[in-house]
């Protein structure tokens, strides 16, 4: 099984959103990323409840014939492979032949074409590796506040209201035990999965433009006050012990600026709200490995 995880792109936007004002384009893209991930997470949770004997592989990034493509969810059942494309659209959409129109009558990419393309590429991939298993490709609209006008019953679409009925079909096709070929296929797909995606639109940012501080573990907003041993959030009114909070801020620093060296001065400035350099030095000495001499002294992760 491969569980769904946030992409590097989404994680980066989350961290930046707390530390700078995103422009209109960045904010809209960030919202789409969050909605897309939430929809895929909801479907993964639903699928786990109804999977019976099947194997779930979420968020696969594969390559076939020098073409890279992303599959939201694969379900390997005893009878067939289900390929799911999950959309978290909201509102009233209209289908005009092959054109998909949003609630504001703006044309959007046809997800059925994307589904068909992924099915074709996956089928070729399976043939190349000598797996002869049938594939059923389905477009899932997970949001109950979505409606598609002029949709045809011939379209491979499942709406939120149809999930319960589809679960019965899924259970029926998952009643028999899996065979060795299903495990071999899952292992092969995991081996072919690519961690880095060229589709990600990573935002540009500079160290000096970001607000410094420690983010709340619940809502992400930077803490407004620190009274040892706790940070207190002015937004969601929660409290957190200072050590895990500072460690999370250090992890964020490493994620956003992997080329910058972790020194006491750098981390102290990054955390900002922590006035004591002694506190920062103690945490770095406890959880990281000190290297270098004199002004070149910095910290690196300990080997696991």
Protein backbone atom coordinates (compact mmCIF):
# COMPACT_ATOMS: atom_id res chain seq x y z
CA UNK A 1 0.00 0.00 0.00
CA UNK A 2 1.14 3.54 -0.76
CA UNK A 3 -0.57 6.27 1.25
CA UNK A 4 -1.22 9.77 -0.02
CA UNK A 5 1.25 12.43 1.08
CA UNK A 6 1.45 16.16 0.51
CA UNK A 7 3.59 17.14 -2.45
CA UNK A 8 6.72 19.23 -2.01
CA UNK A 9 4.87 22.02 -3.82
CA UNK A 10 1.95 22.01 -1.38
CA UNK A 11 4.22 21.83 1.66
CA UNK A 12 6.24 24.76 0.37
CA UNK A 13 3.15 26.88 -0.21
CA UNK A 14 1.87 26.09 3.28
CA UNK A 15 5.12 27.21 4.87
CA UNK A 16 5.39 30.34 2.74
CA UNK A 17 1.76 31.30 3.30
CA UNK A 18 2.48 31.90 6.99
CA UNK A 19 5.57 33.98 6.27
CA UNK A 20 4.71 36.19 3.28
CA UNK A 21 1.77 37.64 1.39
CA UNK A 22 1.14 35.46 -1.63
CA UNK A 23 0.15 37.34 -4.76
CA UNK A 24 -3.24 36.66 -6.35
CA UNK A 25 -1.93 33.99 -8.72
CA UNK A 26 0.03 32.21 -5.98
CA UNK A 27 -2.92 32.35 -3.57
CA UNK A 28 -5.28 30.87 -6.17
CA UNK A 29 -2.82 28.10 -7.01
CA UNK A 30 -2.30 27.34 -3.32
CA UNK A 31 -6.06 27.07 -2.80
CA UNK A 32 -6.35 24.66 -5.74
CA UNK A 33 -3.54 22.53 -4.34
CA UNK A 34 -5.19 22.36 -0.92
CA UNK A 35 -8.60 21.51 -2.38
CA UNK A 36 -7.13 18.87 -4.65
CA UNK A 37 -5.22 17.24 -1.82
CA UNK A 38 -8.25 17.33 0.49
CA UNK A 39 -10.39 15.65 -2.17
CA UNK A 40 -7.83 12.92 -2.78
CA UNK A 41 -7.47 12.39 0.98
CA UNK A 42 -11.24 12.04 1.41
CA UNK A 43 -11.39 9.48 -1.39
CA UNK A 44 -8.43 7.53 -0.01
CA UNK A 45 -10.16 7.37 3.39
CA UNK A 46 -13.38 6.19 1.72
CA UNK A 47 -11.51 3.59 -0.35
CA UNK A 48 -9.74 2.18 2.71
CA UNK A 49 -13.12 1.57 4.32
CA UNK A 50 -14.34 -0.45 1.33
CA UNK A 51 -11.20 -2.07 -0.02
CA UNK A 52 -11.76 -5.62 1.25
CA UNK A 53 -8.83 -7.64 -0.21
CA UNK A 54 -7.53 -4.99 -2.60
CA UNK A 55 -4.27 -3.03 -2.61
CA UNK A 56 -4.40 0.78 -2.65
CA UNK A 57 -1.63 2.81 -4.31
CA UNK A 58 -2.20 6.55 -3.98
CA UNK A 59 -0.53 9.34 -5.92
CA UNK A 60 1.72 7.46 -8.34
CA UNK A 61 4.04 9.34 -10.66
CA UNK A 62 4.97 7.10 -13.58
CA UNK A 63 6.62 7.34 -16.99
CA UNK A 64 5.61 5.54 -20.18
CA UNK A 65 7.12 6.20 -23.61
CA UNK A 66 9.00 9.21 -22.18
CA UNK A 67 5.69 10.67 -20.97
CA UNK A 68 5.30 11.40 -17.26
CA UNK A 69 1.83 11.17 -15.76
CA UNK A 70 0.26 11.20 -12.32
CA UNK A 71 -2.37 8.73 -11.10
CA UNK A 72 -4.45 9.86 -8.13
CA UNK A 73 -5.38 6.37 -6.98
CA UNK A 74 -4.98 2.78 -8.12
CA UNK A 75 -6.94 -0.06 -6.56
CA UNK A 76 -5.71 -3.56 -7.33
CA UNK A 77 -8.70 -5.83 -6.79
CA UNK A 78 -8.80 -9.58 -7.47
CA UNK A 79 -10.92 -9.00 -10.60
CA UNK A 80 -9.43 -5.88 -12.16
CA UNK A 81 -7.38 -2.72 -11.69
CA UNK A 82 -9.38 0.39 -10.86
CA UNK A 83 -7.77 3.62 -11.98
CA UNK A 84 -9.31 6.65 -10.26
CA UNK A 85 -8.98 10.30 -11.20
CA UNK A 86 -10.30 12.33 -8.24
CA UNK A 87 -11.66 15.87 -8.54
CA UNK A 88 -12.81 18.14 -5.73
CA UNK A 89 -14.75 20.54 -7.96
CA UNK A 90 -17.49 22.58 -6.34
CA UNK A 91 -20.51 24.27 -7.90
CA UNK A 92 -22.48 23.83 -11.12
CA UNK A 93 -20.42 22.79 -14.14
CA UNK A 94 -21.72 22.36 -17.68
CA UNK A 95 -20.65 19.86 -20.30
CA UNK A 96 -20.90 21.13 -23.88
CA UNK A 97 -19.74 18.24 -26.08
CA UNK A 98 -16.07 17.94 -25.05
CA UNK A 99 -15.95 21.36 -23.38
CA UNK A 100 -16.18 21.66 -19.60
CA UNK A 101 -17.40 25.00 -18.31
CA UNK A 102 -16.95 26.17 -14.71
CA UNK A 103 -19.69 27.98 -12.73
CA UNK A 104 -18.39 31.29 -14.19
CA UNK A 105 -18.51 29.80 -17.73
CA UNK A 106 -14.73 29.52 -17.93
CA UNK A 107 -13.47 26.54 -19.87
CA UNK A 108 -11.43 24.07 -17.82
CA UNK A 109 -9.39 21.05 -18.80
CA UNK A 110 -11.52 18.05 -19.67
CA UNK A 111 -10.80 15.53 -16.87
CA UNK A 112 -12.21 12.69 -18.99
CA UNK A 113 -9.44 13.26 -21.53
CA UNK A 114 -6.88 13.19 -18.73
CA UNK A 115 -8.42 9.95 -17.42
CA UNK A 116 -8.35 8.34 -20.87
CA UNK A 117 -4.73 9.37 -21.40
CA UNK A 118 -3.66 7.91 -18.06
CA UNK A 119 -5.52 4.68 -18.79
CA UNK A 120 -3.77 4.29 -22.15
CA UNK A 121 -0.32 4.99 -20.70
CA UNK A 122 -0.89 2.62 -17.77
CA UNK A 123 -2.09 -0.14 -20.11
CA UNK A 124 1.07 0.21 -22.21
CA UNK A 125 3.19 0.15 -19.05
CA UNK A 126 1.56 -3.07 -17.86
CA UNK A 127 2.06 -4.70 -21.25
CA UNK A 128 5.74 -3.72 -21.25
CA UNK A 129 6.18 -5.50 -17.92
CA UNK A 130 4.03 -8.48 -18.91
CA UNK A 131 1.03 -7.89 -16.66
CA UNK A 132 -2.21 -8.92 -18.33
CA UNK A 133 -4.89 -7.46 -16.07
CA UNK A 134 -8.04 -5.54 -17.06
CA UNK A 135 -8.26 -1.85 -16.21
CA UNK A 136 -11.38 0.16 -15.41
CA UNK A 137 -10.81 3.93 -15.36
CA UNK A 138 -13.23 6.07 -13.35
CA UNK A 139 -13.54 9.81 -12.75
CA UNK A 140 -14.66 10.49 -9.16
CA UNK A 141 -16.22 13.76 -8.03
CA UNK A 142 -15.81 13.62 -4.27
CA UNK A 143 -17.48 16.94 -3.39
CA UNK A 144 -21.22 16.66 -2.57
CA UNK A 145 -21.66 20.31 -3.64
CA UNK A 146 -20.78 19.54 -7.27
CA UNK A 147 -23.15 19.05 -10.18
CA UNK A 148 -22.41 18.41 -13.84
CA UNK A 149 -25.13 19.37 -16.30
CA UNK A 150 -25.48 17.42 -19.56
CA UNK A 151 -23.47 14.50 -18.18
CA UNK A 152 -24.12 11.23 -19.97
CA UNK A 153 -24.66 7.89 -18.25
CA UNK A 154 -22.08 6.48 -20.65
CA UNK A 155 -19.35 8.60 -19.07
CA UNK A 156 -17.16 6.69 -16.56
CA UNK A 157 -18.11 9.08 -13.77
CA UNK A 158 -19.04 8.52 -10.13
CA UNK A 159 -20.57 11.39 -8.20
CA UNK A 160 -20.53 11.69 -4.43
CA UNK A 161 -24.14 10.52 -4.18
CA UNK A 162 -23.22 7.31 -6.06
CA UNK A 163 -20.34 6.22 -3.83
CA UNK A 164 -22.45 3.96 -1.61
CA UNK A 165 -23.78 2.07 -4.62
CA UNK A 166 -20.32 1.82 -6.11
CA UNK A 167 -19.04 0.37 -2.82
CA UNK A 168 -21.24 -2.69 -3.38
CA UNK A 169 -19.65 -3.25 -6.80
CA UNK A 170 -16.21 -2.77 -5.32
CA UNK A 171 -16.88 -5.25 -2.53
CA UNK A 172 -18.22 -7.82 -5.01
CA UNK A 173 -15.07 -7.58 -7.12
CA UNK A 174 -12.85 -7.73 -4.04
CA UNK A 175 -14.35 -10.80 -2.38
CA UNK A 176 -11.86 -13.31 -3.78
CA UNK A 177 -8.31 -13.47 -2.41
CA UNK A 178 -5.53 -11.67 -4.23
CA UNK A 179 -2.99 -13.64 -6.24
CA UNK A 180 0.79 -13.38 -6.30
CA UNK A 181 0.59 -11.32 -9.50
CA UNK A 182 -1.15 -8.50 -7.65
CA UNK A 183 1.65 -8.22 -5.09
CA UNK A 184 4.25 -8.37 -7.86
CA UNK A 185 2.46 -5.61 -9.75
CA UNK A 186 2.24 -3.43 -6.64
CA UNK A 187 5.97 -3.88 -6.02
CA UNK A 188 6.78 -3.05 -9.64
CA UNK A 189 4.66 0.12 -9.63
CA UNK A 190 6.24 1.27 -6.38
CA UNK A 191 9.68 0.67 -7.88
CA UNK A 192 8.74 2.71 -10.97
CA UNK A 193 7.21 5.55 -8.94
CA UNK A 194 9.14 8.82 -9.26
CA UNK A 195 9.48 11.00 -6.17
CA UNK A 196 10.29 14.26 -7.96
CA UNK A 197 7.65 15.76 -10.24
CA UNK A 198 8.41 18.17 -13.04
CA UNK A 199 4.76 19.27 -12.92
CA UNK A 200 5.26 21.08 -9.62
CA UNK A 201 5.25 24.88 -9.85
CA UNK A 202 7.55 25.77 -6.98
CA UNK A 203 7.20 29.43 -5.96
CA UNK A 204 10.11 31.85 -5.88
CA UNK A 205 11.07 33.43 -2.59
CA UNK A 206 13.98 35.10 -0.82
CA UNK A 207 15.11 34.69 2.78
CA UNK A 208 14.86 38.41 3.56
CA UNK A 209 11.22 38.68 2.39
CA UNK A 210 9.95 36.01 4.79
CA UNK A 211 8.64 36.83 8.24
CA UNK A 212 10.68 35.12 10.93
CA UNK A 213 9.15 33.16 13.81
CA UNK A 214 7.80 29.78 14.91
CA UNK A 215 4.57 28.45 13.38
CA UNK A 216 1.69 27.00 15.36
CA UNK A 217 1.42 23.23 14.86
CA UNK A 218 -2.37 23.44 14.63
CA UNK A 219 -3.16 26.43 12.40
CA UNK A 220 0.25 27.38 10.98
CA UNK A 221 0.09 31.03 12.09
CA UNK A 222 3.32 32.32 13.63
CA UNK A 223 3.22 32.35 17.41
CA UNK A 224 2.72 35.79 18.93
CA UNK A 225 4.15 35.05 22.39
CA UNK A 226 6.63 32.75 24.10
CA UNK A 227 6.67 32.25 27.85
CA UNK A 228 9.08 29.43 28.65
CA UNK A 229 8.28 26.55 28.41
CA UNK A 230 5.31 27.18 26.06
CA UNK A 231 4.39 29.03 22.90
CA UNK A 232 0.85 30.37 22.81
CA UNK A 233 -1.10 30.97 19.60
CA UNK A 234 -3.17 34.14 19.36
CA UNK A 235 -5.14 32.70 16.45
CA UNK A 236 -6.38 29.30 17.67
CA UNK A 237 -5.64 29.84 21.39
CA UNK A 238 -3.59 26.66 21.77
CA UNK A 239 -0.28 26.12 23.56
CA UNK A 240 2.75 24.02 22.67
CA UNK A 241 5.99 23.07 24.42
CA UNK A 242 8.94 25.03 23.07
CA UNK A 243 11.30 22.16 22.10
CA UNK A 244 9.11 20.41 19.47
CA UNK A 245 7.98 23.80 18.18
CA UNK A 246 11.56 25.02 17.64
CA UNK A 247 12.56 21.69 16.10
CA UNK A 248 9.69 22.08 13.62
CA UNK A 249 10.88 25.61 12.80
CA UNK A 250 14.40 24.24 12.20
CA UNK A 251 12.97 21.55 9.91
CA UNK A 252 11.12 24.28 8.02
CA UNK A 253 14.35 26.28 7.69
CA UNK A 254 16.09 23.22 6.23
CA UNK A 255 13.20 22.58 3.85
CA UNK A 256 13.04 26.14 2.50
CA UNK A 257 16.78 26.86 2.52
CA UNK A 258 18.70 23.59 2.13
CA UNK A 259 21.84 25.46 1.00
CA UNK A 260 22.08 27.66 4.11
CA UNK A 261 24.15 26.37 7.00
CA UNK A 262 22.47 25.84 10.35
CA UNK A 263 24.30 28.02 12.83
CA UNK A 264 23.14 29.26 16.21
CA UNK A 265 22.89 32.77 14.77
CA UNK A 266 20.88 31.67 11.73
CA UNK A 267 18.38 29.57 13.68
CA UNK A 268 18.08 32.20 16.41
CA UNK A 269 17.23 34.81 13.75
CA UNK A 270 14.86 32.39 11.99
CA UNK A 271 12.91 31.63 15.18
CA UNK A 272 12.92 35.35 16.09
CA UNK A 273 10.46 35.13 18.98
CA UNK A 274 12.97 33.09 21.02
CA UNK A 275 15.19 35.73 22.62
CA UNK A 276 17.72 33.38 24.20
CA UNK A 277 20.54 32.12 21.97
CA UNK A 278 21.38 29.71 24.79
CA UNK A 279 18.03 27.97 24.23
CA UNK A 280 18.72 27.64 20.51
CA UNK A 281 22.26 26.36 21.10
CA UNK A 282 21.06 23.77 23.60
CA UNK A 283 18.46 22.38 21.17
CA UNK A 284 20.96 22.25 18.30
CA UNK A 285 23.57 20.51 20.47
CA UNK A 286 21.00 17.98 21.66
CA UNK A 287 19.35 17.09 18.36
CA UNK A 288 22.02 17.80 15.72
CA UNK A 289 25.69 17.14 15.12
CA UNK A 290 28.11 20.04 15.49
CA UNK A 291 30.77 20.34 12.81
CA UNK A 292 33.40 22.90 11.86
CA UNK A 293 35.62 25.08 14.01
CA UNK A 294 35.29 28.70 15.10
CA UNK A 295 33.27 30.86 12.72
CA UNK A 296 32.75 27.82 10.49
CA UNK A 297 30.86 25.99 13.24
CA UNK A 298 27.45 24.77 12.11
CA UNK A 299 25.08 21.87 12.64
CA UNK A 300 24.01 18.95 10.45
CA UNK A 301 21.44 16.19 10.98
CA UNK A 302 22.60 13.16 12.93
CA UNK A 303 22.82 9.93 10.97
CA UNK A 304 19.84 7.70 11.65
